Amino acid sequence: MKKFLFYAFRWQMSTPILAFVTSYLVGFGFWVSAAIANLIGSAIFFWVDRFIFSPKFDQIWSVKEQVVCVDCGKQSRGYRLVKTNKYDKTKAVPEYRCEQCSIVKAQKLKEQGLIS
């Protein structure tokens, strides 16, 4: 549902582009101006749609400086996957991992089907 709402909002954001370009290029005819407006809109919103439909859209990460990794004990920048559509640690005690251990943990979660 969250993805749909973002997509619906994104779709409405294309309305001003279509309206502006078609009114500006009205002399070329409706179909030509609509086609040009859609080309401009696709060049802009391709990147937005790519983000909305990426697996990372549903992932919420927390990053913290100078933490002790819960796996290896190394002090460094820490990473914590907080929430995805199948994984929720919002109420858990935070466990930060260094970059290397975070990659290993993410791979394990991927193998379990909890993240994509």
PDB file of N, CA and C in Angstrom:
ATOM      1  N   MET A   1       0.821  -1.192   0.000  1.00  0.00           N
ATOM      2  CA  MET A   1       0.000   0.000   0.000  1.00  0.00           C
ATOM      3  C   MET A   1       0.868   1.259   0.000  1.00  0.00           C
ATOM      4  N   LYS A   2       1.979   1.219   0.770  1.00  0.00           N
ATOM      5  CA  LYS A   2       2.881   2.372   0.825  1.00  0.00           C
ATOM      6  C   LYS A   2       3.450   2.674  -0.562  1.00  0.00           C
ATOM      7  N   LYS A   3       3.854   1.618  -1.276  1.00  0.00           N
ATOM      8  CA  LYS A   3       4.391   1.809  -2.619  1.00  0.00           C
ATOM      9  C   LYS A   3       3.346   2.419  -3.541  1.00  0.00           C
ATOM     10  N   PHE A   4       2.111   1.938  -3.442  1.00  0.00           N
ATOM     11  CA  PHE A   4       1.045   2.470  -4.294  1.00  0.00           C
ATOM     12  C   PHE A   4       0.824   3.954  -4.023  1.00  0.00           C
ATOM     13  N   LEU A   5       0.785   4.339  -2.756  1.00  0.00           N
ATOM     14  CA  LEU A   5       0.560   5.750  -2.423  1.00  0.00           C
ATOM     15  C   LEU A   5       1.689   6.638  -2.944  1.00  0.00           C
ATOM     16  N   PHE A   6       2.938   6.187  -2.798  1.00  0.00           N
ATOM     17  CA  PHE A   6       4.056   6.944  -3.354  1.00  0.00           C
ATOM     18  C   PHE A   6       3.938   7.041  -4.876  1.00  0.00           C
ATOM     19  N   TYR A   7       3.568   5.920  -5.505  1.00  0.00           N
ATOM     20  CA  TYR A   7       3.451   5.909  -6.963  1.00  0.00           C
ATOM     21  C   TYR A   7       2.309   6.821  -7.420  1.00  0.00           C
ATOM     22  N   ALA A   8       1.179   6.792  -6.723  1.00  0.00           N
ATOM     23  CA  ALA A   8       0.051   7.654  -7.080  1.00  0.00           C
ATOM     24  C   ALA A   8       0.431   9.128  -6.944  1.00  0.00           C
ATOM     25  N   PHE A   9       1.151   9.462  -5.861  1.00  0.00           N
ATOM     26  CA  PHE A   9       1.620  10.835  -5.686  1.00  0.00           C
ATOM     27  C   PHE A   9       2.588  11.218  -6.805  1.00  0.00           C
ATOM     28  N   ARG A  10       3.510  10.304  -7.138  1.00  0.00           N
ATOM     29  CA  ARG A  10       4.467  10.545  -8.203  1.00  0.00           C
ATOM     30  C   ARG A  10       3.739  10.771  -9.526  1.00  0.00           C
ATOM     31  N   TRP A  11       2.709   9.992  -9.759  1.00  0.00           N
ATOM     32  CA  TRP A  11       1.945  10.111 -11.003  1.00  0.00           C
ATOM     33  C   TRP A  11       1.311  11.495 -11.090  1.00  0.00           C
ATOM     34  N   GLN A  12       0.786  11.991  -9.989  1.00  0.00           N
ATOM     35  CA  GLN A  12       0.174  13.312  -9.985  1.00  0.00           C
ATOM     36  C   GLN A  12       1.199  14.422 -10.185  1.00  0.00           C
ATOM     37  N   MET A  13       2.436  14.177  -9.776  1.00  0.00           N
ATOM     38  CA  MET A  13       3.484  15.173  -9.983  1.00  0.00           C
ATOM     39  C   MET A  13       3.809  15.359 -11.466  1.00  0.00           C
ATOM     40  N   SER A  14       3.434  14.397 -12.294  1.00  0.00           N
ATOM     41  CA  SER A  14       3.691  14.543 -13.728  1.00  0.00           C
ATOM     42  C   SER A  14       2.654  15.448 -14.405  1.00  0.00           C
ATOM     43  N   THR A  15       1.547  15.712 -13.734  1.00  0.00           N
ATOM     44  CA  THR A  15       0.489  16.549 -14.309  1.00  0.00           C
ATOM     45  C   THR A  15       0.979  17.947 -14.677  1.00  0.00           C
ATOM     46  N   PRO A  16       1.705  18.645 -13.798  1.00  0.00           N
ATOM     47  CA  PRO A  16       2.167  19.989 -14.188  1.00  0.00           C
ATOM     48  C   PRO A  16       3.083  19.971 -15.415  1.00  0.00           C
ATOM     49  N   ILE A  17       3.910  18.940 -15.537  1.00  0.00           N
ATOM     50  CA  ILE A  17       4.793  18.854 -16.710  1.00  0.00           C
ATOM     51  C   ILE A  17       3.963  18.706 -17.973  1.00  0.00           C
ATOM     52  N   LEU A  18       3.012  17.784 -17.938  1.00  0.00           N
ATOM     53  CA  LEU A  18       2.150  17.565 -19.098  1.00  0.00           C
ATOM     54  C   LEU A  18       1.379  18.836 -19.451  1.00  0.00           C
ATOM     55  N   ALA A  19       0.817  19.493 -18.438  1.00  0.00           N
ATOM     56  CA  ALA A  19       0.024  20.707 -18.685  1.00  0.00           C
ATOM     57  C   ALA A  19       0.887  21.826 -19.249  1.00  0.00           C
ATOM     58  N   PHE A  20       2.052  22.056 -18.643  1.00  0.00           N
ATOM     59  CA  PHE A  20       2.916  23.144 -19.089  1.00  0.00           C
ATOM     60  C   PHE A  20       3.415  22.919 -20.517  1.00  0.00           C
ATOM     61  N   VAL A  21       3.937  21.742 -20.769  1.00  0.00           N
ATOM     62  CA  VAL A  21       4.529  21.481 -22.089  1.00  0.00           C
ATOM     63  C   VAL A  21       3.466  21.481 -23.177  1.00  0.00           C
ATOM     64  N   THR A  22       2.317  20.857 -22.918  1.00  0.00           N
ATOM     65  CA  THR A  22       1.280  20.826 -23.958  1.00  0.00           C
ATOM     66  C   THR A  22       0.734  22.224 -24.236  1.00  0.00           C
ATOM     67  N   SER A  23       0.621  23.074 -23.215  1.00  0.00           N
ATOM     68  CA  SER A  23       0.130  24.431 -23.467  1.00  0.00           C
ATOM     69  C   SER A  23       1.188  25.268 -24.194  1.00  0.00           C
ATOM     70  N   TYR A  24       2.453  25.034 -23.905  1.00  0.00           N
ATOM     71  CA  TYR A  24       3.539  25.782 -24.545  1.00  0.00           C
ATOM     72  C   TYR A  24       3.728  25.353 -26.006  1.00  0.00           C
ATOM     73  N   LEU A  25       3.549  24.069 -26.278  1.00  0.00           N
ATOM     74  CA  LEU A  25       3.765  23.532 -27.631  1.00  0.00           C
ATOM     75  C   LEU A  25       2.460  23.277 -28.381  1.00  0.00           C
ATOM     76  N   VAL A  26       1.400  23.951 -28.002  1.00  0.00           N
ATOM     77  CA  VAL A  26       0.088  23.711 -28.604  1.00  0.00           C
ATOM     78  C   VAL A  26       0.110  23.927 -30.126  1.00  0.00           C
ATOM     79  N   GLY A  27       0.998  24.775 -30.598  1.00  0.00           N
ATOM     80  CA  GLY A  27       1.100  25.040 -32.029  1.00  0.00           C
ATOM     81  C   GLY A  27       1.538  23.825 -32.837  1.00  0.00           C
ATOM     82  N   PHE A  28       2.171  22.860 -32.206  1.00  0.00           N
ATOM     83  CA  PHE A  28       2.611  21.650 -32.890  1.00  0.00           C
ATOM     84  C   PHE A  28       1.504  20.599 -32.969  1.00  0.00           C
ATOM     85  N   GLY A  29       0.385  20.860 -32.325  1.00  0.00           N
ATOM     86  CA  GLY A  29      -0.720  19.903 -32.284  1.00  0.00           C
ATOM     87  C   GLY A  29      -0.717  19.141 -30.979  1.00  0.00           C
ATOM     88  N   PHE A  30      -1.897  18.665 -30.627  1.00  0.00           N
ATOM     89  CA  PHE A  30      -2.069  18.000 -29.345  1.00  0.00           C
ATOM     90  C   PHE A  30      -1.190  16.760 -29.206  1.00  0.00           C
ATOM     91  N   TRP A  31      -1.178  15.894 -30.214  1.00  0.00           N
ATOM     92  CA  TRP A  31      -0.465  14.621 -30.111  1.00  0.00           C
ATOM     93  C   TRP A  31       1.050  14.819 -30.018  1.00  0.00           C
ATOM     94  N   VAL A  32       1.578  15.752 -30.776  1.00  0.00           N
ATOM     95  CA  VAL A  32       3.022  16.001 -30.739  1.00  0.00           C
ATOM     96  C   VAL A  32       3.416  16.603 -29.390  1.00  0.00           C
ATOM     97  N   SER A  33       2.638  17.582 -28.937  1.00  0.00           N
ATOM     98  CA  SER A  33       2.970  18.201 -27.655  1.00  0.00           C
ATOM     99  C   SER A  33       2.818  17.205 -26.495  1.00  0.00           C
ATOM    100  N   ALA A  34       1.825  16.330 -26.561  1.00  0.00           N
ATOM    101  CA  ALA A  34       1.652  15.309 -25.516  1.00  0.00           C
ATOM    102  C   ALA A  34       2.816  14.324 -25.544  1.00  0.00           C
ATOM    103  N   ALA A  35       3.254  13.939 -26.733  1.00  0.00           N
ATOM    104  CA  ALA A  35       4.378  13.004 -26.842  1.00  0.00           C
ATOM    105  C   ALA A  35       5.657  13.628 -26.278  1.00  0.00           C
ATOM    106  N   ILE A  36       5.906  14.890 -26.588  1.00  0.00           N
ATOM    107  CA  ILE A  36       7.099  15.573 -26.068  1.00  0.00           C
ATOM    108  C   ILE A  36       7.009  15.695 -24.542  1.00  0.00           C
ATOM    109  N   ALA A  37       5.824  16.038 -24.032  1.00  0.00           N
ATOM    110  CA  ALA A  37       5.634  16.145 -22.577  1.00  0.00           C
ATOM    111  C   ALA A  37       5.900  14.805 -21.904  1.00  0.00           C
ATOM    112  N   ASN A  38       5.433  13.727 -22.509  1.00  0.00           N
ATOM    113  CA  ASN A  38       5.665  12.404 -21.931  1.00  0.00           C
ATOM    114  C   ASN A  38       7.134  12.008 -21.990  1.00  0.00           C
ATOM    115  N   LEU A  39       7.851  12.406 -23.022  1.00  0.00           N
ATOM    116  CA  LEU A  39       9.288  12.132 -23.088  1.00  0.00           C
ATOM    117  C   LEU A  39      10.035  12.878 -21.985  1.00  0.00           C
ATOM    118  N   ILE A  40       9.670  14.123 -21.782  1.00  0.00           N
ATOM    119  CA  ILE A  40      10.299  14.911 -20.712  1.00  0.00           C
ATOM    120  C   ILE A  40       9.970  14.295 -19.351  1.00  0.00           C
ATOM    121  N   GLY A  41       8.708  13.945 -19.146  1.00  0.00           N
ATOM    122  CA  GLY A  41       8.294  13.329 -17.881  1.00  0.00           C
ATOM    123  C   GLY A  41       8.986  12.002 -17.635  1.00  0.00           C
ATOM    124  N   SER A  42       9.134  11.206 -18.677  1.00  0.00           N
ATOM    125  CA  SER A  42       9.798   9.905 -18.489  1.00  0.00           C
ATOM    126  C   SER A  42      11.270  10.080 -18.134  1.00  0.00           C
ATOM    127  N   ALA A  43      11.912  11.100 -18.692  1.00  0.00           N
ATOM    128  CA  ALA A  43      13.314  11.358 -18.368  1.00  0.00           C
ATOM    129  C   ALA A  43      13.472  11.768 -16.901  1.00  0.00           C
ATOM    130  N   ILE A  44      12.478  12.439 -16.362  1.00  0.00           N
ATOM    131  CA  ILE A  44      12.527  12.859 -14.959  1.00  0.00           C
ATOM    132  C   ILE A  44      12.104  11.731 -14.028  1.00  0.00           C
ATOM    133  N   PHE A  45      10.968  11.118 -14.313  1.00  0.00           N
ATOM    134  CA  PHE A  45      10.373  10.188 -13.362  1.00  0.00           C
ATOM    135  C   PHE A  45      10.881   8.758 -13.481  1.00  0.00           C
ATOM    136  N   PHE A  46      11.676   8.457 -14.479  1.00  0.00           N
ATOM    137  CA  PHE A  46      12.309   7.133 -14.557  1.00  0.00           C
ATOM    138  C   PHE A  46      13.065   6.853 -13.270  1.00  0.00           C
ATOM    139  N   TRP A  47      13.809   7.848 -12.803  1.00  0.00           N
ATOM    140  CA  TRP A  47      14.643   7.676 -11.612  1.00  0.00           C
ATOM    141  C   TRP A  47      13.802   7.539 -10.357  1.00  0.00           C
ATOM    142  N   VAL A  48      12.712   8.262 -10.286  1.00  0.00           N
ATOM    143  CA  VAL A  48      11.816   8.164  -9.132  1.00  0.00           C
ATOM    144  C   VAL A  48      11.168   6.781  -9.101  1.00  0.00           C
ATOM    145  N   ASP A  49      10.662   6.328 -10.247  1.00  0.00           N
ATOM    146  CA  ASP A  49      10.029   5.011 -10.323  1.00  0.00           C
ATOM    147  C   ASP A  49      11.024   3.901 -10.015  1.00  0.00           C
ATOM    148  N   ARG A  50      12.221   4.075 -10.481  1.00  0.00           N
ATOM    149  CA  ARG A  50      13.262   3.078 -10.223  1.00  0.00           C
ATOM    150  C   ARG A  50      13.482   2.920  -8.717  1.00  0.00           C
ATOM    151  N   PHE A  51      13.470   4.031  -7.995  1.00  0.00           N
ATOM    152  CA  PHE A  51      13.621   3.968  -6.543  1.00  0.00           C
ATOM    153  C   PHE A  51      12.392   3.349  -5.880  1.00  0.00           C
ATOM    154  N   ILE A  52      11.199   3.770  -6.284  1.00  0.00           N
ATOM    155  CA  ILE A  52       9.970   3.265  -5.669  1.00  0.00           C
ATOM    156  C   ILE A  52       9.865   1.745  -5.805  1.00  0.00           C
ATOM    157  N   PHE A  53      10.264   1.214  -6.954  1.00  0.00           N
ATOM    158  CA  PHE A  53      10.107  -0.216  -7.193  1.00  0.00           C
ATOM    159  C   PHE A  53      11.373  -1.020  -6.922  1.00  0.00           C
ATOM    160  N   SER A  54      12.341  -0.396  -6.271  1.00  0.00           N
ATOM    161  CA  SER A  54      13.544  -1.136  -5.891  1.00  0.00           C
ATOM    162  C   SER A  54      13.325  -1.810  -4.547  1.00  0.00           C
ATOM    163  N   PRO A  55      14.036  -2.897  -4.290  1.00  0.00           N
ATOM    164  CA  PRO A  55      13.900  -3.557  -2.980  1.00  0.00           C
ATOM    165  C   PRO A  55      14.303  -2.643  -1.824  1.00  0.00           C
ATOM    166  N   LYS A  56      15.181  -1.699  -2.078  1.00  0.00           N
ATOM    167  CA  LYS A  56      15.667  -0.817  -1.018  1.00  0.00           C
ATOM    168  C   LYS A  56      14.610   0.177  -0.544  1.00  0.00           C
ATOM    169  N   PHE A  57      13.537   0.352  -1.310  1.00  0.00           N
ATOM    170  CA  PHE A  57      12.483   1.296  -0.938  1.00  0.00           C
ATOM    171  C   PHE A  57      11.877   0.938   0.414  1.00  0.00           C
ATOM    172  N   ASP A  58      11.733  -0.349   0.676  1.00  0.00           N
ATOM    173  CA  ASP A  58      11.094  -0.806   1.903  1.00  0.00           C
ATOM    174  C   ASP A  58      12.071  -1.022   3.050  1.00  0.00           C
ATOM    175  N   GLN A  59      13.352  -0.743   2.835  1.00  0.00           N
ATOM    176  CA  GLN A  59      14.339  -0.982   3.881  1.00  0.00           C
ATOM    177  C   GLN A  59      14.657   0.300   4.632  1.00  0.00           C
ATOM    178  N   ILE A  60      14.683   0.188   5.952  1.00  0.00           N
ATOM    179  CA  ILE A  60      15.050   1.316   6.794  1.00  0.00           C
ATOM    180  C   ILE A  60      16.320   0.928   7.545  1.00  0.00           C
ATOM    181  N   TRP A  61      17.371   1.676   7.290  1.00  0.00           N
ATOM    182  CA  TRP A  61      18.673   1.422   7.925  1.00  0.00           C
ATOM    183  C   TRP A  61      18.966   2.525   8.930  1.00  0.00           C
ATOM    184  N   SER A  62      19.746   2.176   9.932  1.00  0.00           N
ATOM    185  CA  SER A  62      20.257   3.148  10.888  1.00  0.00           C
ATOM    186  C   SER A  62      21.778   3.066  10.835  1.00  0.00           C
ATOM    187  N   VAL A  63      22.421   4.209  10.757  1.00  0.00           N
ATOM    188  CA  VAL A  63      23.885   4.279  10.720  1.00  0.00           C
ATOM    189  C   VAL A  63      24.335   5.165  11.870  1.00  0.00           C
ATOM    190  N   LYS A  64      25.329   4.694  12.593  1.00  0.00           N
ATOM    191  CA  LYS A  64      25.817   5.426  13.756  1.00  0.00           C
ATOM    192  C   LYS A  64      27.344   5.428  13.741  1.00  0.00           C
ATOM    193  N   GLU A  65      27.937   6.560  14.084  1.00  0.00           N
ATOM    194  CA  GLU A  65      29.388   6.675  14.128  1.00  0.00           C
ATOM    195  C   GLU A  65      29.928   6.104  15.439  1.00  0.00           C
ATOM    196  N   GLN A  66      31.106   5.542  15.368  1.00  0.00           N
ATOM    197  CA  GLN A  66      31.853   5.070  16.540  1.00  0.00           C
ATOM    198  C   GLN A  66      31.040   4.148  17.452  1.00  0.00           C
ATOM    199  N   VAL A  67      30.712   2.984  16.927  1.00  0.00           N
ATOM    200  CA  VAL A  67      30.054   1.962  17.731  1.00  0.00           C
ATOM    201  C   VAL A  67      30.965   0.744  17.810  1.00  0.00           C
ATOM    202  N   VAL A  68      30.679  -0.130  18.738  1.00  0.00           N
ATOM    203  CA  VAL A  68      31.401  -1.394  18.848  1.00  0.00           C
ATOM    204  C   VAL A  68      30.536  -2.451  18.172  1.00  0.00           C
ATOM    205  N   CYS A  69      31.085  -3.131  17.177  1.00  0.00           N
ATOM    206  CA  CYS A  69      30.368  -4.159  16.428  1.00  0.00           C
ATOM    207  C   CYS A  69      29.983  -5.302  17.368  1.00  0.00           C
ATOM    208  N   VAL A  70      28.708  -5.706  17.319  1.00  0.00           N
ATOM    209  CA  VAL A  70      28.237  -6.781  18.196  1.00  0.00           C
ATOM    210  C   VAL A  70      28.813  -8.142  17.795  1.00  0.00           C
ATOM    211  N   ASP A  71      29.291  -8.264  16.561  1.00  0.00           N
ATOM    212  CA  ASP A  71      29.814  -9.548  16.101  1.00  0.00           C
ATOM    213  C   ASP A  71      31.320  -9.690  16.313  1.00  0.00           C
ATOM    214  N   CYS A  72      32.090  -8.687  15.913  1.00  0.00           N
ATOM    215  CA  CYS A  72      33.556  -8.830  15.962  1.00  0.00           C
ATOM    216  C   CYS A  72      34.227  -7.934  17.002  1.00  0.00           C
ATOM    217  N   GLY A  73      33.493  -6.969  17.576  1.00  0.00           N
ATOM    218  CA  GLY A  73      34.058  -6.102  18.605  1.00  0.00           C
ATOM    219  C   GLY A  73      34.850  -4.923  18.081  1.00  0.00           C
ATOM    220  N   LYS A  74      34.945  -4.776  16.762  1.00  0.00           N
ATOM    221  CA  LYS A  74      35.692  -3.679  16.157  1.00  0.00           C
ATOM    222  C   LYS A  74      34.938  -2.359  16.364  1.00  0.00           C
ATOM    223  N   GLN A  75      35.672  -1.277  16.664  1.00  0.00           N
ATOM    224  CA  GLN A  75      35.047   0.029  16.798  1.00  0.00           C
ATOM    225  C   GLN A  75      35.118   0.734  15.456  1.00  0.00           C
ATOM    226  N   SER A  76      33.965   1.106  14.934  1.00  0.00           N
ATOM    227  CA  SER A  76      33.892   1.775  13.630  1.00  0.00           C
ATOM    228  C   SER A  76      32.482   2.336  13.447  1.00  0.00           C
ATOM    229  N   ARG A  77      32.208   2.793  12.252  1.00  0.00           N
ATOM    230  CA  ARG A  77      30.849   3.198  11.907  1.00  0.00           C
ATOM    231  C   ARG A  77      29.978   1.941  11.962  1.00  0.00           C
ATOM    232  N   GLY A  78      28.788   2.059  12.558  1.00  0.00           N
ATOM    233  CA  GLY A  78      27.917   0.896  12.712  1.00  0.00           C
ATOM    234  C   GLY A  78      26.678   0.980  11.847  1.00  0.00           C
ATOM    235  N   TYR A  79      26.231  -0.172  11.374  1.00  0.00           N
ATOM    236  CA  TYR A  79      25.054  -0.272  10.517  1.00  0.00           C
ATOM    237  C   TYR A  79      24.050  -1.211  11.167  1.00  0.00           C
ATOM    238  N   ARG A  80      22.779  -0.870  11.020  1.00  0.00           N
ATOM    239  CA  ARG A  80      21.723  -1.699  11.583  1.00  0.00           C
ATOM    240  C   ARG A  80      20.524  -1.655  10.647  1.00  0.00           C
ATOM    241  N   LEU A  81      20.103  -2.816  10.174  1.00  0.00           N
ATOM    242  CA  LEU A  81      18.867  -2.896   9.392  1.00  0.00           C
ATOM    243  C   LEU A  81      17.722  -2.912  10.391  1.00  0.00           C
ATOM    244  N   VAL A  82      16.860  -1.913  10.314  1.00  0.00           N
ATOM    245  CA  VAL A  82      15.800  -1.764  11.299  1.00  0.00           C
ATOM    246  C   VAL A  82      14.513  -2.437  10.834  1.00  0.00           C
ATOM    247  N   LYS A  83      14.141  -2.219   9.562  1.00  0.00           N
ATOM    248  CA  LYS A  83      12.839  -2.705   9.125  1.00  0.00           C
ATOM    249  C   LYS A  83      12.796  -2.921   7.615  1.00  0.00           C
ATOM    250  N   THR A  84      12.162  -4.005   7.224  1.00  0.00           N
ATOM    251  CA  THR A  84      11.764  -4.250   5.838  1.00  0.00           C
ATOM    252  C   THR A  84      10.327  -4.751   5.897  1.00  0.00           C
ATOM    253  N   ASN A  85       9.775  -5.142   4.770  1.00  0.00           N
ATOM    254  CA  ASN A  85       8.393  -5.615   4.807  1.00  0.00           C
ATOM    255  C   ASN A  85       8.262  -6.966   5.518  1.00  0.00           C
ATOM    256  N   LYS A  86       9.363  -7.730   5.670  1.00  0.00           N
ATOM    257  CA  LYS A  86       9.309  -9.031   6.344  1.00  0.00           C
ATOM    258  C   LYS A  86      10.187  -9.083   7.600  1.00  0.00           C
ATOM    259  N   TYR A  87      10.802  -7.998   7.970  1.00  0.00           N
ATOM    260  CA  TYR A  87      11.784  -7.974   9.054  1.00  0.00           C
ATOM    261  C   TYR A  87      11.573  -6.698   9.845  1.00  0.00           C
ATOM    262  N   ASP A  88      11.342  -6.812  11.145  1.00  0.00           N
ATOM    263  CA  ASP A  88      11.068  -5.625  11.950  1.00  0.00           C
ATOM    264  C   ASP A  88      11.792  -5.716  13.286  1.00  0.00           C
ATOM    265  N   LYS A  89      12.778  -4.867  13.477  1.00  0.00           N
ATOM    266  CA  LYS A  89      13.531  -4.800  14.725  1.00  0.00           C
ATOM    267  C   LYS A  89      13.379  -3.416  15.370  1.00  0.00           C
ATOM    268  N   THR A  90      12.250  -2.758  15.118  1.00  0.00           N
ATOM    269  CA  THR A  90      12.050  -1.406  15.653  1.00  0.00           C
ATOM    270  C   THR A  90      11.963  -1.394  17.171  1.00  0.00           C
ATOM    271  N   LYS A  91      11.498  -2.484  17.767  1.00  0.00           N
ATOM    272  CA  LYS A  91      11.359  -2.532  19.230  1.00  0.00           C
ATOM    273  C   LYS A  91      12.494  -3.303  19.894  1.00  0.00           C
ATOM    274  N   ALA A  92      13.431  -3.809  19.104  1.00  0.00           N
ATOM    275  CA  ALA A  92      14.545  -4.594  19.651  1.00  0.00           C
ATOM    276  C   ALA A  92      15.656  -3.676  20.158  1.00  0.00           C
ATOM    277  N   VAL A  93      16.483  -4.219  21.027  1.00  0.00           N
ATOM    278  CA  VAL A  93      17.672  -3.493  21.475  1.00  0.00           C
ATOM    279  C   VAL A  93      18.586  -3.340  20.253  1.00  0.00           C
ATOM    280  N   PRO A  94      19.033  -2.122  19.933  1.00  0.00           N
ATOM    281  CA  PRO A  94      19.847  -1.916  18.728  1.00  0.00           C
ATOM    282  C   PRO A  94      21.154  -2.707  18.763  1.00  0.00           C
ATOM    283  N   GLU A  95      21.434  -3.397  17.672  1.00  0.00           N
ATOM    284  CA  GLU A  95      22.691  -4.120  17.501  1.00  0.00           C
ATOM    285  C   GLU A  95      23.366  -3.613  16.237  1.00  0.00           C
ATOM    286  N   TYR A  96      24.399  -2.816  16.425  1.00  0.00           N
ATOM    287  CA  TYR A  96      25.122  -2.251  15.285  1.00  0.00           C
ATOM    288  C   TYR A  96      26.293  -3.154  14.916  1.00  0.00           C
ATOM    289  N   ARG A  97      26.563  -3.224  13.613  1.00  0.00           N
ATOM    290  CA  ARG A  97      27.666  -4.029  13.096  1.00  0.00           C
ATOM    291  C   ARG A  97      28.564  -3.159  12.225  1.00  0.00           C
ATOM    292  N   CYS A  98      29.853  -3.518  12.196  1.00  0.00           N
ATOM    293  CA  CYS A  98      30.768  -2.838  11.274  1.00  0.00           C
ATOM    294  C   CYS A  98      30.330  -3.191   9.843  1.00  0.00           C
ATOM    295  N   GLU A  99      30.944  -2.543   8.878  1.00  0.00           N
ATOM    296  CA  GLU A  99      30.524  -2.752   7.489  1.00  0.00           C
ATOM    297  C   GLU A  99      30.643  -4.214   7.062  1.00  0.00           C
ATOM    298  N   GLN A 100      31.759  -4.850   7.380  1.00  0.00           N
ATOM    299  CA  GLN A 100      31.970  -6.241   6.960  1.00  0.00           C
ATOM    300  C   GLN A 100      30.943  -7.171   7.604  1.00  0.00           C
ATOM    301  N   CYS A 101      30.734  -7.047   8.897  1.00  0.00           N
ATOM    302  CA  CYS A 101      29.778  -7.911   9.592  1.00  0.00           C
ATOM    303  C   CYS A 101      28.342  -7.610   9.157  1.00  0.00           C
ATOM    304  N   SER A 102      28.064  -6.347   8.810  1.00  0.00           N
ATOM    305  CA  SER A 102      26.739  -5.975   8.331  1.00  0.00           C
ATOM    306  C   SER A 102      26.441  -6.656   6.992  1.00  0.00           C
ATOM    307  N   ILE A 103      27.450  -6.744   6.136  1.00  0.00           N
ATOM    308  CA  ILE A 103      27.280  -7.421   4.844  1.00  0.00           C
ATOM    309  C   ILE A 103      26.989  -8.901   5.058  1.00  0.00           C
ATOM    310  N   VAL A 104      27.714  -9.519   5.990  1.00  0.00           N
ATOM    311  CA  VAL A 104      27.499 -10.934   6.300  1.00  0.00           C
ATOM    312  C   VAL A 104      26.080 -11.144   6.839  1.00  0.00           C
ATOM    313  N   LYS A 105      25.649 -10.287   7.777  1.00  0.00           N
ATOM    314  CA  LYS A 105      24.312 -10.393   8.362  1.00  0.00           C
ATOM    315  C   LYS A 105      23.239 -10.202   7.291  1.00  0.00           C
ATOM    316  N   ALA A 106      23.425  -9.233   6.407  1.00  0.00           N
ATOM    317  CA  ALA A 106      22.454  -8.996   5.341  1.00  0.00           C
ATOM    318  C   ALA A 106      22.358 -10.205   4.415  1.00  0.00           C
ATOM    319  N   GLN A 107      23.492 -10.839   4.122  1.00  0.00           N
ATOM    320  CA  GLN A 107      23.482 -12.035   3.281  1.00  0.00           C
ATOM    321  C   GLN A 107      22.689 -13.159   3.949  1.00  0.00           C
ATOM    322  N   LYS A 108      22.857 -13.341   5.259  1.00  0.00           N
ATOM    323  CA  LYS A 108      22.108 -14.361   5.995  1.00  0.00           C
ATOM    324  C   LYS A 108      20.605 -14.072   5.944  1.00  0.00           C
ATOM    325  N   LEU A 109      20.234 -12.798   6.119  1.00  0.00           N
ATOM    326  CA  LEU A 109      18.819 -12.422   6.054  1.00  0.00           C
ATOM    327  C   LEU A 109      18.259 -12.646   4.654  1.00  0.00           C
ATOM    328  N   LYS A 110      19.091 -12.399   3.635  1.00  0.00           N
ATOM    329  CA  LYS A 110      18.673 -12.633   2.261  1.00  0.00           C
ATOM    330  C   LYS A 110      18.434 -14.130   2.020  1.00  0.00           C
ATOM    331  N   GLU A 111      19.318 -14.959   2.532  1.00  0.00           N
ATOM    332  CA  GLU A 111      19.166 -16.410   2.387  1.00  0.00           C
ATOM    333  C   GLU A 111      17.904 -16.908   3.099  1.00  0.00           C
ATOM    334  N   GLN A 112      17.528 -16.251   4.177  1.00  0.00           N
ATOM    335  CA  GLN A 112      16.320 -16.622   4.916  1.00  0.00           C
ATOM    336  C   GLN A 112      15.046 -16.043   4.271  1.00  0.00           C
ATOM    337  N   GLY A 113      15.212 -15.217   3.237  1.00  0.00           N
ATOM    338  CA  GLY A 113      14.079 -14.624   2.554  1.00  0.00           C
ATOM    339  C   GLY A 113      13.478 -13.434   3.270  1.00  0.00           C
ATOM    340  N   LEU A 114      14.211 -12.856   4.217  1.00  0.00           N
ATOM    341  CA  LEU A 114      13.689 -11.718   4.969  1.00  0.00           C
ATOM    342  C   LEU A 114      13.965 -10.379   4.313  1.00  0.00           C
ATOM    343  N   ILE A 115      14.976 -10.327   3.455  1.00  0.00           N
ATOM    344  CA  ILE A 115      15.236  -9.123   2.670  1.00  0.00           C
ATOM    345  C   ILE A 115      15.522  -9.550   1.241  1.00  0.00           C
ATOM    346  N   SER A 116      15.390  -8.614   0.321  1.00  0.00           N
ATOM    347  CA  SER A 116      15.655  -8.947  -1.082  1.00  0.00           C
ATOM    348  C   SER A 116      16.863  -8.212  -1.591  1.00  0.00           C
TER     349      SER A 116
END
